[in-house]
Amino acid sequence: MDPDLKTTIGLPNFPSYRSGHSTFSAAAAEVLSYLFPASASEFEAQKEEASISRLYGGIHYRSDIEMGKGHGKRIGGFTVSFARTDGAGPP
């Protein structure tokens, strides 16, 4: 760790791996795409924007972001699978 490293938003007080923003953005994009399929590409773009902002802010490494997006996609997929069994969501 470099004590001289400064970021514009300050150093985070949490671990780098995995990116929480990437995780919950990917999960939300997965669920919202299921509920509103016509807007799926917009949700995908928003997920990518939220994720990459963490790299640009110097908060996460790319690997943190990619793993977060992967986990979020799986978490959202579990939610969609459950919604399909209980009748929630689009007809």
Protein backbone atom coordinates (compact mmCIF):
# COMPACT_ATOMS: atom_id res chain seq x y z
CA MET A 1 0.00 0.00 0.00
CA ASP A 2 1.23 3.40 -0.95
CA PRO A 3 0.47 5.94 1.81
CA ASP A 4 0.94 8.75 -0.70
CA LEU A 5 -1.90 7.52 -2.92
CA LYS A 6 -4.69 10.09 -3.03
CA THR A 7 -8.01 9.80 -4.82
CA THR A 8 -10.47 12.58 -5.56
CA ILE A 9 -13.11 10.96 -3.35
CA GLY A 10 -10.81 9.75 -0.57
CA LEU A 11 -9.64 6.26 0.24
CA PRO A 12 -12.42 3.78 0.98
CA ASN A 13 -12.60 2.17 4.40
CA PHE A 14 -13.67 -1.24 3.07
CA PRO A 15 -11.99 -4.10 1.22
CA SER A 16 -11.59 -3.87 -2.53
CA TYR A 17 -12.74 -7.34 -3.54
CA ARG A 18 -15.64 -7.58 -4.75
CA SER A 19 -17.22 -4.38 -5.91
CA GLY A 20 -20.49 -3.96 -4.06
CA HIS A 21 -21.72 -1.41 -6.61
CA SER A 22 -21.09 -3.90 -9.41
CA THR A 23 -22.79 -6.69 -7.46
CA PHE A 24 -26.01 -4.91 -6.64
CA SER A 25 -26.14 -3.10 -10.00
CA ALA A 26 -25.86 -6.41 -11.86
CA ALA A 27 -28.48 -8.04 -9.62
CA ALA A 28 -30.86 -5.12 -10.14
CA ALA A 29 -30.27 -5.14 -13.91
CA GLU A 30 -31.07 -8.86 -14.05
CA VAL A 31 -34.34 -8.52 -12.11
CA LEU A 32 -35.46 -5.32 -13.82
CA SER A 33 -34.71 -6.81 -17.24
CA TYR A 34 -37.01 -9.70 -16.35
CA LEU A 35 -39.79 -7.36 -15.21
CA PHE A 36 -39.32 -4.82 -18.02
CA PRO A 37 -37.76 -6.69 -20.97
CA ALA A 38 -38.16 -3.76 -23.38
CA SER A 39 -35.72 -1.75 -21.24
CA ALA A 40 -33.14 -4.52 -20.75
CA SER A 41 -30.45 -2.78 -22.80
CA GLU A 42 -30.88 0.40 -20.73
CA PHE A 43 -30.50 -1.57 -17.48
CA GLU A 44 -27.40 -3.24 -18.90
CA ALA A 45 -25.87 0.13 -19.77
CA GLN A 46 -26.64 1.50 -16.31
CA LYS A 47 -25.02 -1.54 -14.71
CA GLU A 48 -21.87 -0.99 -16.75
CA GLU A 49 -21.78 2.73 -15.92
CA ALA A 50 -22.17 2.11 -12.18
CA SER A 51 -19.46 -0.54 -12.29
CA ILE A 52 -16.86 1.36 -14.28
CA SER A 53 -17.31 4.45 -12.10
CA ARG A 54 -15.65 2.50 -9.29
CA LEU A 55 -12.57 1.90 -11.46
CA TYR A 56 -12.40 5.54 -12.54
CA GLY A 57 -12.74 6.63 -8.91
CA GLY A 58 -9.71 4.52 -7.96
CA ILE A 59 -11.81 2.43 -5.56
CA HIS A 60 -11.72 -0.97 -7.30
CA TYR A 61 -9.59 -2.98 -9.66
CA ARG A 62 -11.13 -4.36 -12.84
CA SER A 63 -11.12 -7.87 -11.32
CA ASP A 64 -13.23 -6.58 -8.39
CA ILE A 65 -15.73 -5.18 -10.86
CA GLU A 66 -15.93 -8.27 -13.05
CA MET A 67 -16.37 -10.61 -10.09
CA GLY A 68 -19.01 -8.30 -8.62
CA LYS A 69 -20.94 -8.27 -11.88
CA GLY A 70 -20.76 -12.05 -12.09
CA HIS A 71 -22.03 -12.50 -8.55
CA GLY A 72 -24.77 -9.95 -9.07
CA LYS A 73 -25.94 -11.68 -12.23
CA ARG A 74 -26.21 -14.98 -10.33
CA ILE A 75 -28.00 -13.35 -7.40
CA GLY A 76 -30.45 -11.65 -9.78
CA GLY A 77 -30.89 -14.96 -11.60
CA PHE A 78 -31.89 -16.69 -8.37
CA THR A 79 -34.45 -13.96 -7.76
CA VAL A 80 -35.86 -14.30 -11.27
CA SER A 81 -36.02 -18.10 -10.91
CA PHE A 82 -37.98 -17.70 -7.69
CA ALA A 83 -40.28 -15.13 -9.30
CA ARG A 84 -41.08 -17.57 -12.08
CA THR A 85 -42.15 -20.21 -9.55
CA ASP A 86 -44.38 -17.94 -7.48
CA GLY A 87 -46.09 -16.22 -10.41
CA ALA A 88 -44.43 -12.83 -9.99
CA GLY A 89 -43.34 -10.85 -12.98
CA PRO A 90 -44.40 -10.60 -16.60
CA PRO A 91 -47.01 -13.01 -17.95
